Amino acid sequence: MTKLITIPPVAWDRPLGWLVPGENCSELGYAVCKRAYVDPGTLEVPNGSNRGVRIDKWTKRAGLPVPQPGTNGQGWYWCAIWVGCVFADANALVPDGFAATNNWKDHLVDGGRDADPQPGDAILYGANGTAHHIGIIVRLPDKSSGQDIMLSIEGNRSYAGTTSNNGVAVDIGPVLRADIMGFIRPQSALPTKAA
C-alpha cells in the first residue's frame, strides 16, 4: 500500500493561468473572470426554488424583494442578477435594472452572435428579440493548441451532468447553445486617469 506524502505547495502567478491580461484578455475582462470563478458550486436551496443564502444576497443587491420565510415564495430567475453582481464586483458598469435579462440587450457589441467574444464578456441568449439567459465567457478556443472549446460560467443553469432545464447552480460549461444573441463587453465603472 502506498503512503500519503507531502510535497511543497506552489504559488501560482495568476489564478487563471490561461488568461494573461494584455495578451489574450483585457485587465477588466480578467477581473470579471477572476470574480466569476468565486461562485461555481453555489446551489439553490432547496433545488428549484431560485433561493439560497448567496442567491438571496445577490437578489437584494439587485433591488428585488426576497420572499419571506414561510411564504413558500419562489425567488427570481437569477442569471442576470448574478452577472450584474459579478460585473459590479469587478468594477464594471451594469445596465439599469440589470436583474432583467432583457435589459442587457441594448449593450451587445456590434456583430451580434457573429462578434468575436473576449474573456469577461457576458454572453446573452434569446429568441425572437427577447433575451432569456445570460452568462460570462471565461475561456476562448485556442486554435494554435488544438483546443476548440469556449467555456462560460452561468448562474441559474443546470449543473454538470444533468439534463434539467431548471437552473439550480452557478456552473462552468462549454458554450454549445444555438440561441446566442451576442456578447456584452464590460466597461469600467472607475474614472479614467488623466494623461
N, C-alpha and C. Protein backbone atom coordinates (compact mmCIF):
# COMPACT_ATOMS: atom_id res chain seq x y z
N MET A 1 0.85 -1.18 0.00
CA MET A 1 0.00 0.00 0.00
C MET A 1 0.89 1.24 0.00
N THR A 2 0.54 2.21 -0.87
CA THR A 2 1.33 3.45 -0.89
C THR A 2 0.96 4.32 0.31
N LYS A 3 1.89 5.16 0.71
CA LYS A 3 1.61 6.05 1.83
C LYS A 3 1.36 7.46 1.31
N LEU A 4 0.72 8.28 2.10
CA LEU A 4 0.49 9.67 1.76
C LEU A 4 1.74 10.46 2.11
N ILE A 5 2.11 11.37 1.20
CA ILE A 5 3.31 12.18 1.42
C ILE A 5 2.97 13.66 1.27
N THR A 6 3.89 14.50 1.62
CA THR A 6 3.74 15.95 1.47
C THR A 6 4.69 16.41 0.38
N ILE A 7 4.18 17.25 -0.52
CA ILE A 7 5.05 17.91 -1.48
C ILE A 7 4.86 19.42 -1.28
N PRO A 8 5.86 20.23 -1.59
CA PRO A 8 5.75 21.67 -1.36
C PRO A 8 4.66 22.30 -2.22
N PRO A 9 3.89 23.22 -1.65
CA PRO A 9 2.89 23.92 -2.46
C PRO A 9 3.56 24.87 -3.44
N VAL A 10 2.84 25.23 -4.47
CA VAL A 10 3.33 26.18 -5.47
C VAL A 10 2.43 27.41 -5.43
N ALA A 11 3.02 28.58 -5.44
CA ALA A 11 2.26 29.82 -5.54
C ALA A 11 2.17 30.17 -7.02
N TRP A 12 0.96 30.11 -7.57
CA TRP A 12 0.78 30.40 -9.00
C TRP A 12 0.76 31.90 -9.20
N ASP A 13 1.40 32.36 -10.28
CA ASP A 13 1.48 33.79 -10.53
C ASP A 13 0.13 34.40 -10.89
N ARG A 14 -0.74 33.64 -11.52
CA ARG A 14 -2.08 34.11 -11.87
C ARG A 14 -3.08 33.01 -11.53
N PRO A 15 -4.15 33.35 -10.82
CA PRO A 15 -5.16 32.32 -10.53
C PRO A 15 -5.77 31.71 -11.79
N LEU A 16 -5.87 32.49 -12.85
CA LEU A 16 -6.42 31.99 -14.12
C LEU A 16 -5.27 31.90 -15.10
N GLY A 17 -4.54 30.81 -15.03
CA GLY A 17 -3.30 30.67 -15.76
C GLY A 17 -3.39 30.75 -17.26
N TRP A 18 -4.55 30.49 -17.84
CA TRP A 18 -4.69 30.53 -19.29
C TRP A 18 -4.97 31.95 -19.78
N LEU A 19 -5.29 32.88 -18.86
CA LEU A 19 -5.55 34.26 -19.25
C LEU A 19 -4.38 35.14 -18.83
N VAL A 20 -3.92 35.97 -19.76
CA VAL A 20 -2.83 36.89 -19.48
C VAL A 20 -3.29 38.28 -19.90
N PRO A 21 -3.61 39.14 -18.90
CA PRO A 21 -4.06 40.49 -19.25
C PRO A 21 -3.06 41.18 -20.16
N GLY A 22 -3.59 41.80 -21.21
CA GLY A 22 -2.73 42.48 -22.18
C GLY A 22 -2.30 41.59 -23.32
N GLU A 23 -2.41 40.27 -23.15
CA GLU A 23 -2.05 39.34 -24.23
C GLU A 23 -3.29 38.71 -24.85
N ASN A 24 -4.12 38.08 -24.03
CA ASN A 24 -5.31 37.43 -24.58
C ASN A 24 -6.60 37.85 -23.87
N CYS A 25 -6.51 38.91 -23.05
CA CYS A 25 -7.69 39.47 -22.41
C CYS A 25 -7.35 40.86 -21.90
N SER A 26 -8.38 41.62 -21.59
CA SER A 26 -8.16 42.94 -21.00
C SER A 26 -8.02 42.80 -19.49
N GLU A 27 -7.52 43.84 -18.84
CA GLU A 27 -7.44 43.83 -17.37
C GLU A 27 -8.83 43.67 -16.78
N LEU A 28 -9.82 44.39 -17.33
CA LEU A 28 -11.18 44.31 -16.81
C LEU A 28 -11.79 42.94 -17.09
N GLY A 29 -11.55 42.40 -18.28
CA GLY A 29 -12.05 41.06 -18.59
C GLY A 29 -11.47 40.02 -17.64
N TYR A 30 -10.19 40.17 -17.32
CA TYR A 30 -9.53 39.26 -16.37
C TYR A 30 -10.19 39.39 -14.99
N ALA A 31 -10.46 40.64 -14.56
CA ALA A 31 -11.09 40.86 -13.25
C ALA A 31 -12.48 40.23 -13.21
N VAL A 32 -13.24 40.34 -14.30
CA VAL A 32 -14.57 39.73 -14.36
C VAL A 32 -14.46 38.21 -14.26
N CYS A 33 -13.55 37.62 -15.03
CA CYS A 33 -13.37 36.16 -15.00
C CYS A 33 -12.94 35.69 -13.61
N LYS A 34 -11.98 36.39 -13.03
CA LYS A 34 -11.47 36.01 -11.71
C LYS A 34 -12.61 36.05 -10.69
N ARG A 35 -13.45 37.09 -10.74
CA ARG A 35 -14.57 37.18 -9.82
C ARG A 35 -15.61 36.09 -10.11
N ALA A 36 -15.85 35.80 -11.37
CA ALA A 36 -16.86 34.79 -11.73
C ALA A 36 -16.49 33.42 -11.17
N TYR A 37 -15.19 33.12 -11.10
CA TYR A 37 -14.75 31.81 -10.61
C TYR A 37 -14.95 31.62 -9.11
N VAL A 38 -15.41 32.64 -8.40
CA VAL A 38 -15.66 32.51 -6.97
C VAL A 38 -16.91 31.66 -6.71
N ASP A 39 -17.88 31.68 -7.61
CA ASP A 39 -19.22 31.16 -7.32
C ASP A 39 -19.59 29.76 -7.82
N PRO A 40 -18.86 29.13 -8.76
CA PRO A 40 -19.28 27.78 -9.17
C PRO A 40 -19.43 26.86 -7.96
N GLY A 41 -20.50 26.11 -7.99
CA GLY A 41 -20.83 25.24 -6.87
C GLY A 41 -21.93 25.82 -6.00
N THR A 42 -22.25 27.10 -6.18
CA THR A 42 -23.38 27.68 -5.47
C THR A 42 -24.65 27.02 -5.99
N LEU A 43 -25.47 26.51 -5.07
CA LEU A 43 -26.70 25.82 -5.44
C LEU A 43 -27.91 26.51 -4.83
N GLU A 44 -29.06 26.34 -5.49
CA GLU A 44 -30.31 26.78 -4.89
C GLU A 44 -30.64 25.87 -3.72
N VAL A 45 -31.21 26.47 -2.68
CA VAL A 45 -31.63 25.70 -1.50
C VAL A 45 -33.04 26.13 -1.16
N PRO A 46 -34.04 25.23 -1.36
CA PRO A 46 -33.91 23.91 -2.00
C PRO A 46 -33.82 24.03 -3.52
N ASN A 47 -33.38 22.95 -4.17
CA ASN A 47 -33.28 22.95 -5.62
C ASN A 47 -34.60 23.37 -6.24
N GLY A 48 -34.51 24.19 -7.27
CA GLY A 48 -35.70 24.62 -7.99
C GLY A 48 -36.41 25.82 -7.37
N SER A 49 -35.85 26.39 -6.30
CA SER A 49 -36.53 27.48 -5.59
C SER A 49 -36.09 28.88 -6.02
N ASN A 50 -35.00 28.97 -6.79
CA ASN A 50 -34.38 30.26 -7.10
C ASN A 50 -33.98 31.00 -5.83
N ARG A 51 -33.66 30.26 -4.79
CA ARG A 51 -33.31 30.83 -3.49
C ARG A 51 -32.03 30.19 -2.97
N GLY A 52 -31.47 30.75 -1.93
CA GLY A 52 -30.27 30.28 -1.26
C GLY A 52 -29.65 31.47 -0.57
N VAL A 53 -28.75 31.25 0.37
CA VAL A 53 -28.17 32.35 1.12
C VAL A 53 -27.50 33.36 0.19
N ARG A 54 -26.60 32.88 -0.66
CA ARG A 54 -25.90 33.80 -1.58
C ARG A 54 -26.85 34.36 -2.62
N ILE A 55 -27.72 33.52 -3.15
CA ILE A 55 -28.65 33.96 -4.19
C ILE A 55 -29.56 35.05 -3.64
N ASP A 56 -30.04 34.90 -2.41
CA ASP A 56 -30.87 35.93 -1.80
C ASP A 56 -30.09 37.23 -1.62
N LYS A 57 -28.80 37.14 -1.27
CA LYS A 57 -27.99 38.36 -1.13
C LYS A 57 -27.82 39.06 -2.48
N TRP A 58 -27.58 38.28 -3.53
CA TRP A 58 -27.48 38.87 -4.87
C TRP A 58 -28.81 39.53 -5.25
N THR A 59 -29.91 38.87 -4.95
CA THR A 59 -31.24 39.39 -5.28
C THR A 59 -31.48 40.72 -4.58
N LYS A 60 -31.16 40.79 -3.30
CA LYS A 60 -31.32 42.06 -2.56
C LYS A 60 -30.44 43.14 -3.17
N ARG A 61 -29.24 42.77 -3.56
CA ARG A 61 -28.32 43.73 -4.16
C ARG A 61 -28.87 44.29 -5.47
N ALA A 62 -29.67 43.49 -6.16
CA ALA A 62 -30.29 43.94 -7.42
C ALA A 62 -31.53 44.79 -7.16
N GLY A 63 -31.87 44.97 -5.87
CA GLY A 63 -33.02 45.80 -5.53
C GLY A 63 -34.35 45.09 -5.58
N LEU A 64 -34.32 43.77 -5.61
CA LEU A 64 -35.56 42.99 -5.66
C LEU A 64 -35.90 42.45 -4.28
N PRO A 65 -37.19 42.34 -3.96
CA PRO A 65 -37.57 41.78 -2.66
C PRO A 65 -37.34 40.28 -2.64
N VAL A 66 -36.91 39.79 -1.50
CA VAL A 66 -36.72 38.35 -1.31
C VAL A 66 -37.93 37.83 -0.54
N PRO A 67 -38.56 36.75 -1.02
CA PRO A 67 -39.72 36.22 -0.30
C PRO A 67 -39.36 35.90 1.16
N GLN A 68 -40.28 36.17 2.04
CA GLN A 68 -40.06 35.93 3.46
C GLN A 68 -40.18 34.45 3.78
N PRO A 69 -39.44 33.97 4.79
CA PRO A 69 -39.54 32.56 5.18
C PRO A 69 -40.98 32.20 5.53
N GLY A 70 -41.38 31.01 5.14
CA GLY A 70 -42.71 30.51 5.46
C GLY A 70 -43.77 30.92 4.46
N THR A 71 -43.40 31.70 3.44
CA THR A 71 -44.41 32.14 2.47
C THR A 71 -44.48 31.21 1.27
N ASN A 72 -43.58 30.22 1.20
CA ASN A 72 -43.48 29.32 0.05
C ASN A 72 -43.23 30.09 -1.24
N GLY A 73 -42.68 31.28 -1.10
CA GLY A 73 -42.42 32.10 -2.27
C GLY A 73 -41.19 31.66 -3.02
N GLN A 74 -41.34 31.62 -4.34
CA GLN A 74 -40.20 31.34 -5.19
C GLN A 74 -39.37 32.60 -5.32
N GLY A 75 -38.08 32.42 -5.51
CA GLY A 75 -37.22 33.55 -5.78
C GLY A 75 -37.32 33.94 -7.25
N TRP A 76 -36.50 34.87 -7.64
CA TRP A 76 -36.46 35.38 -9.01
C TRP A 76 -35.50 34.54 -9.85
N TYR A 77 -35.77 34.51 -11.16
CA TYR A 77 -34.75 33.96 -12.05
C TYR A 77 -33.51 34.83 -11.85
N TRP A 78 -32.36 34.21 -11.67
CA TRP A 78 -31.22 34.98 -11.17
C TRP A 78 -29.97 34.96 -12.04
N CYS A 79 -30.06 34.52 -13.27
CA CYS A 79 -28.85 34.52 -14.12
C CYS A 79 -28.34 35.95 -14.33
N ALA A 80 -29.23 36.88 -14.66
CA ALA A 80 -28.80 38.26 -14.89
C ALA A 80 -28.42 38.95 -13.58
N ILE A 81 -29.07 38.58 -12.50
CA ILE A 81 -28.71 39.12 -11.19
C ILE A 81 -27.26 38.75 -10.89
N TRP A 82 -26.91 37.47 -11.11
CA TRP A 82 -25.55 37.02 -10.84
C TRP A 82 -24.53 37.74 -11.72
N VAL A 83 -24.80 37.83 -13.04
CA VAL A 83 -23.87 38.50 -13.95
C VAL A 83 -23.69 39.96 -13.52
N GLY A 84 -24.77 40.64 -13.16
CA GLY A 84 -24.67 42.02 -12.72
C GLY A 84 -23.82 42.17 -11.48
N CYS A 85 -23.98 41.26 -10.52
CA CYS A 85 -23.17 41.32 -9.30
C CYS A 85 -21.70 41.05 -9.59
N VAL A 86 -21.42 40.11 -10.49
CA VAL A 86 -20.02 39.83 -10.88
C VAL A 86 -19.42 41.05 -11.55
N PHE A 87 -20.13 41.64 -12.51
CA PHE A 87 -19.62 42.84 -13.18
C PHE A 87 -19.35 43.94 -12.14
N ALA A 88 -20.31 44.19 -11.26
CA ALA A 88 -20.16 45.26 -10.27
C ALA A 88 -18.95 45.00 -9.37
N ASP A 89 -18.77 43.75 -8.94
CA ASP A 89 -17.63 43.41 -8.07
C ASP A 89 -16.29 43.60 -8.78
N ALA A 90 -16.29 43.52 -10.11
CA ALA A 90 -15.07 43.73 -10.90
C ALA A 90 -14.92 45.19 -11.33
N ASN A 91 -15.79 46.04 -10.80
CA ASN A 91 -15.81 47.48 -11.15
C ASN A 91 -16.16 47.72 -12.60
N ALA A 92 -17.12 46.96 -13.10
CA ALA A 92 -17.66 47.17 -14.45
C ALA A 92 -19.08 47.73 -14.33
N LEU A 93 -19.47 48.52 -15.30
CA LEU A 93 -20.82 49.08 -15.34
C LEU A 93 -21.84 47.98 -15.60
N VAL A 94 -23.05 48.17 -15.09
CA VAL A 94 -24.17 47.25 -15.34
C VAL A 94 -25.35 48.06 -15.85
N PRO A 95 -26.24 47.44 -16.63
CA PRO A 95 -27.42 48.16 -17.09
C PRO A 95 -28.34 48.50 -15.92
N ASP A 96 -29.02 49.62 -16.03
CA ASP A 96 -30.06 49.96 -15.06
C ASP A 96 -31.09 48.84 -15.12
N GLY A 97 -31.49 48.32 -13.98
CA GLY A 97 -32.41 47.19 -13.97
C GLY A 97 -31.75 45.91 -14.44
N PHE A 98 -30.47 45.71 -14.05
CA PHE A 98 -29.69 44.57 -14.54
C PHE A 98 -30.29 43.22 -14.21
N ALA A 99 -31.22 43.16 -13.26
CA ALA A 99 -31.82 41.88 -12.89
C ALA A 99 -32.66 41.30 -14.01
N ALA A 100 -33.13 42.14 -14.92
CA ALA A 100 -33.94 41.67 -16.06
C ALA A 100 -33.00 41.38 -17.23
N THR A 101 -32.98 40.14 -17.65
CA THR A 101 -32.08 39.71 -18.72
C THR A 101 -32.23 40.57 -19.97
N ASN A 102 -33.45 40.95 -20.28
CA ASN A 102 -33.70 41.73 -21.48
C ASN A 102 -33.04 43.11 -21.43
N ASN A 103 -32.74 43.63 -20.23
CA ASN A 103 -32.12 44.95 -20.10
C ASN A 103 -30.66 44.95 -20.53
N TRP A 104 -30.08 43.80 -20.79
CA TRP A 104 -28.70 43.72 -21.27
C TRP A 104 -28.62 43.86 -22.79
N LYS A 105 -29.74 43.68 -23.51
CA LYS A 105 -29.75 43.66 -24.98
C LYS A 105 -29.17 44.92 -25.62
N ASP A 106 -29.47 46.08 -25.03
CA ASP A 106 -29.02 47.35 -25.63
C ASP A 106 -27.52 47.51 -25.60
N HIS A 107 -26.82 46.62 -24.92
CA HIS A 107 -25.38 46.77 -24.73
C HIS A 107 -24.56 45.71 -25.48
N LEU A 108 -25.21 44.99 -26.40
CA LEU A 108 -24.50 44.00 -27.21
C LEU A 108 -23.47 44.69 -28.11
N VAL A 109 -22.30 44.07 -28.25
CA VAL A 109 -21.30 44.62 -29.16
C VAL A 109 -21.79 44.43 -30.59
N ASP A 110 -21.30 45.27 -31.49
CA ASP A 110 -21.68 45.16 -32.89
C ASP A 110 -21.34 43.77 -33.42
N GLY A 111 -22.19 43.27 -34.26
CA GLY A 111 -21.97 41.96 -34.86
C GLY A 111 -22.83 40.86 -34.27
N GLY A 112 -23.49 41.15 -33.15
CA GLY A 112 -24.39 40.16 -32.54
C GLY A 112 -23.69 38.84 -32.28
N ARG A 113 -24.33 37.77 -32.65
CA ARG A 113 -23.79 36.44 -32.39
C ARG A 113 -22.51 36.16 -33.18
N ASP A 114 -22.26 36.95 -34.24
CA ASP A 114 -21.06 36.74 -35.05
C ASP A 114 -19.87 37.58 -34.57
N ALA A 115 -20.06 38.39 -33.54
CA ALA A 115 -18.97 39.19 -32.99
C ALA A 115 -17.94 38.26 -32.34
N ASP A 116 -16.73 38.76 -32.21
CA ASP A 116 -15.68 37.98 -31.54
C ASP A 116 -15.75 38.24 -30.04
N PRO A 117 -16.12 37.23 -29.26
CA PRO A 117 -16.18 37.42 -27.81
C PRO A 117 -14.78 37.53 -27.22
N GLN A 118 -14.72 38.12 -26.04
CA GLN A 118 -13.49 38.24 -25.29
C GLN A 118 -13.71 37.66 -23.90
N PRO A 119 -12.69 37.14 -23.24
CA PRO A 119 -12.87 36.69 -21.86
C PRO A 119 -13.40 37.83 -21.00
N GLY A 120 -14.40 37.54 -20.20
CA GLY A 120 -15.04 38.53 -19.36
C GLY A 120 -16.30 39.11 -19.96
N ASP A 121 -16.53 38.87 -21.25
CA ASP A 121 -17.78 39.33 -21.87
C ASP A 121 -18.96 38.55 -21.30
N ALA A 122 -20.09 39.22 -21.17
CA ALA A 122 -21.33 38.50 -20.89
C ALA A 122 -21.80 37.91 -22.22
N ILE A 123 -22.41 36.73 -22.17
CA ILE A 123 -22.98 36.09 -23.34
C ILE A 123 -24.49 36.05 -23.13
N LEU A 124 -25.23 36.61 -24.09
CA LEU A 124 -26.68 36.73 -23.97
C LEU A 124 -27.35 35.73 -24.90
N TYR A 125 -28.33 35.02 -24.37
CA TYR A 125 -29.09 34.03 -25.13
C TYR A 125 -30.54 34.51 -25.27
N GLY A 126 -31.17 34.17 -26.38
CA GLY A 126 -32.56 34.54 -26.55
C GLY A 126 -33.10 34.08 -27.88
N ALA A 127 -34.34 34.47 -28.14
CA ALA A 127 -35.01 34.12 -29.39
C ALA A 127 -36.04 35.19 -29.70
N ASN A 128 -36.23 35.45 -30.98
CA ASN A 128 -37.25 36.40 -31.45
C ASN A 128 -37.10 37.77 -30.78
N GLY A 129 -35.86 38.21 -30.57
CA GLY A 129 -35.61 39.52 -30.00
C GLY A 129 -35.76 39.63 -28.50
N THR A 130 -36.03 38.52 -27.83
CA THR A 130 -36.20 38.53 -26.37
C THR A 130 -35.10 37.71 -25.72
N ALA A 131 -34.38 38.33 -24.80
CA ALA A 131 -33.30 37.63 -24.08
C ALA A 131 -33.91 36.81 -22.96
N HIS A 132 -33.34 35.60 -22.74
CA HIS A 132 -33.88 34.76 -21.67
C HIS A 132 -32.80 34.10 -20.80
N HIS A 133 -31.52 34.33 -21.09
CA HIS A 133 -30.47 33.77 -20.24
C HIS A 133 -29.18 34.53 -20.53
N ILE A 134 -28.27 34.54 -19.52
CA ILE A 134 -27.01 35.26 -19.67
C ILE A 134 -25.94 34.58 -18.82
N GLY A 135 -24.71 34.63 -19.28
CA GLY A 135 -23.57 34.07 -18.55
C GLY A 135 -22.33 34.90 -18.84
N ILE A 136 -21.16 34.38 -18.48
CA ILE A 136 -19.90 35.10 -18.67
C ILE A 136 -18.90 34.17 -19.36
N ILE A 137 -18.29 34.65 -20.45
CA ILE A 137 -17.26 33.89 -21.17
C ILE A 137 -15.97 33.92 -20.35
N VAL A 138 -15.42 32.74 -20.04
CA VAL A 138 -14.18 32.68 -19.26
C VAL A 138 -13.03 32.03 -20.02
N ARG A 139 -13.33 31.40 -21.12
CA ARG A 139 -12.24 30.79 -21.91
C ARG A 139 -12.67 30.71 -23.37
N LEU A 140 -11.74 31.09 -24.26
CA LEU A 140 -12.00 31.01 -25.69
C LEU A 140 -11.20 29.86 -26.29
N PRO A 141 -11.62 29.39 -27.46
CA PRO A 141 -10.83 28.35 -28.12
C PRO A 141 -9.43 28.85 -28.43
N ASP A 142 -8.46 27.97 -28.34
CA ASP A 142 -7.07 28.29 -28.68
C ASP A 142 -6.69 27.37 -29.84
N LYS A 143 -6.94 27.86 -31.04
CA LYS A 143 -6.71 27.04 -32.24
C LYS A 143 -5.26 26.61 -32.37
N SER A 144 -4.32 27.42 -31.89
CA SER A 144 -2.91 27.06 -32.03
C SER A 144 -2.55 25.82 -31.22
N SER A 145 -3.30 25.54 -30.17
CA SER A 145 -3.02 24.36 -29.36
C SER A 145 -3.98 23.21 -29.68
N GLY A 146 -4.91 23.46 -30.60
CA GLY A 146 -5.89 22.43 -30.94
C GLY A 146 -7.08 22.43 -30.00
N GLN A 147 -7.14 23.37 -29.10
CA GLN A 147 -8.26 23.46 -28.14
C GLN A 147 -9.38 24.28 -28.79
N ASP A 148 -10.56 23.68 -28.95
CA ASP A 148 -11.62 24.40 -29.65
C ASP A 148 -12.88 24.59 -28.80
N ILE A 149 -12.73 24.62 -27.48
CA ILE A 149 -13.89 24.76 -26.61
C ILE A 149 -13.94 26.15 -26.00
N MET A 150 -15.11 26.79 -26.11
CA MET A 150 -15.36 28.05 -25.41
C MET A 150 -16.13 27.70 -24.14
N LEU A 151 -15.67 28.24 -23.00
CA LEU A 151 -16.32 27.97 -21.72
C LEU A 151 -16.98 29.22 -21.18
N SER A 152 -18.10 29.00 -20.50
CA SER A 152 -18.76 30.10 -19.80
C SER A 152 -19.08 29.65 -18.38
N ILE A 153 -19.26 30.64 -17.52
CA ILE A 153 -19.80 30.40 -16.18
C ILE A 153 -21.16 31.08 -16.18
N GLU A 154 -22.17 30.36 -15.74
CA GLU A 154 -23.52 30.89 -15.76
C GLU A 154 -24.23 30.57 -14.47
N GLY A 155 -24.98 31.53 -13.98
CA GLY A 155 -25.83 31.31 -12.82
C GLY A 155 -27.21 30.87 -13.28
N ASN A 156 -27.90 30.14 -12.42
CA ASN A 156 -29.24 29.63 -12.70
C ASN A 156 -29.23 28.74 -13.95
N ARG A 157 -28.21 27.89 -14.01
CA ARG A 157 -28.14 26.90 -15.10
C ARG A 157 -28.08 25.53 -14.46
N SER A 158 -28.39 24.53 -15.24
CA SER A 158 -28.32 23.16 -14.73
C SER A 158 -26.87 22.82 -14.43
N TYR A 159 -26.65 22.07 -13.39
CA TYR A 159 -25.28 21.72 -13.05
C TYR A 159 -24.82 20.57 -13.93
N ALA A 160 -23.50 20.43 -14.05
CA ALA A 160 -22.88 19.48 -14.97
C ALA A 160 -23.46 18.09 -14.82
N GLY A 161 -23.73 17.48 -15.95
CA GLY A 161 -24.19 16.10 -15.93
C GLY A 161 -25.69 15.93 -15.83
N THR A 162 -26.44 17.04 -15.68
CA THR A 162 -27.89 16.89 -15.60
C THR A 162 -28.52 17.35 -16.90
N THR A 163 -29.72 16.90 -17.15
CA THR A 163 -30.43 17.30 -18.35
C THR A 163 -31.59 18.23 -18.02
N SER A 164 -31.68 18.65 -16.78
CA SER A 164 -32.77 19.52 -16.35
C SER A 164 -32.68 20.89 -16.99
N ASN A 165 -33.82 21.45 -17.36
CA ASN A 165 -33.86 22.83 -17.82
C ASN A 165 -34.01 23.78 -16.63
N ASN A 166 -34.14 23.24 -15.44
CA ASN A 166 -34.30 24.04 -14.24
C ASN A 166 -32.93 24.41 -13.71
N GLY A 167 -32.54 25.66 -13.89
CA GLY A 167 -31.24 26.10 -13.41
C GLY A 167 -31.21 26.12 -11.90
N VAL A 168 -30.20 25.52 -11.33
CA VAL A 168 -30.11 25.45 -9.87
C VAL A 168 -28.73 25.80 -9.36
N ALA A 169 -27.80 26.20 -10.23
CA ALA A 169 -26.42 26.33 -9.79
C ALA A 169 -25.69 27.41 -10.56
N VAL A 170 -24.53 27.79 -10.03
CA VAL A 170 -23.53 28.51 -10.81
C VAL A 170 -22.58 27.42 -11.28
N ASP A 171 -22.42 27.27 -12.60
CA ASP A 171 -21.64 26.16 -13.11
C ASP A 171 -20.84 26.61 -14.33
N ILE A 172 -19.78 25.87 -14.61
CA ILE A 172 -18.90 26.10 -15.75
C ILE A 172 -19.25 25.06 -16.81
N GLY A 173 -19.33 25.48 -18.06
CA GLY A 173 -19.62 24.52 -19.11
C GLY A 173 -19.27 25.06 -20.48
N PRO A 174 -19.23 24.17 -21.47
CA PRO A 174 -18.95 24.60 -22.83
C PRO A 174 -20.14 25.38 -23.40
N VAL A 175 -19.83 26.33 -24.28
CA VAL A 175 -20.88 27.10 -24.94
C VAL A 175 -21.30 26.30 -26.17
N LEU A 176 -22.44 25.67 -26.08
CA LEU A 176 -22.93 24.81 -27.16
C LEU A 176 -24.30 25.24 -27.68
N ARG A 177 -24.91 26.22 -27.06
CA ARG A 177 -26.27 26.61 -27.39
C ARG A 177 -26.34 27.35 -28.72
N ALA A 178 -27.43 27.14 -29.44
CA ALA A 178 -27.63 27.79 -30.73
C ALA A 178 -28.35 29.12 -30.61
N ASP A 179 -28.83 29.47 -29.41
CA ASP A 179 -29.64 30.68 -29.25
C ASP A 179 -28.84 31.88 -28.74
N ILE A 180 -27.57 31.96 -29.12
CA ILE A 180 -26.73 33.09 -28.72
C ILE A 180 -27.18 34.35 -29.47
N MET A 181 -27.48 35.40 -28.71
CA MET A 181 -27.84 36.69 -29.31
C MET A 181 -26.59 37.54 -29.54
N GLY A 182 -25.61 37.40 -28.65
CA GLY A 182 -24.39 38.19 -28.78
C GLY A 182 -23.69 38.34 -27.45
N PHE A 183 -22.80 39.34 -27.39
CA PHE A 183 -21.90 39.50 -26.25
C PHE A 183 -21.91 40.94 -25.75
N ILE A 184 -21.74 41.10 -24.46
CA ILE A 184 -21.66 42.42 -23.83
C ILE A 184 -20.27 42.57 -23.24
N ARG A 185 -19.50 43.53 -23.75
CA ARG A 185 -18.14 43.77 -23.28
C ARG A 185 -18.20 44.63 -22.02
N PRO A 186 -17.54 44.21 -20.93
CA PRO A 186 -17.57 45.04 -19.72
C PRO A 186 -16.88 46.38 -19.95
N GLN A 187 -17.46 47.40 -19.35
CA GLN A 187 -16.89 48.75 -19.40
C GLN A 187 -16.59 49.18 -17.97
N SER A 188 -15.46 49.81 -17.76
CA SER A 188 -15.02 50.17 -16.42
C SER A 188 -15.93 51.19 -15.77
N ALA A 189 -16.25 50.96 -14.51
CA ALA A 189 -17.01 51.91 -13.71
C ALA A 189 -16.08 52.88 -13.00
N LEU A 190 -14.77 52.64 -13.11
CA LEU A 190 -13.80 53.51 -12.44
C LEU A 190 -13.48 54.70 -13.33
N PRO A 191 -13.23 55.87 -12.73
CA PRO A 191 -12.86 57.03 -13.55
C PRO A 191 -11.53 56.77 -14.27
N THR A 192 -11.43 57.28 -15.48
CA THR A 192 -10.19 57.11 -16.23
C THR A 192 -9.15 58.09 -15.70
N LYS A 193 -7.90 57.67 -15.76
CA LYS A 193 -6.80 58.51 -15.28
C LYS A 193 -6.43 59.52 -16.37
N ALA A 194 -6.24 60.75 -15.94
CA ALA A 194 -5.83 61.79 -16.88
C ALA A 194 -4.36 61.58 -17.26
N ALA A 195 -4.05 61.84 -18.52
CA ALA A 195 -2.68 61.65 -19.00
C ALA A 195 -1.79 62.79 -18.61
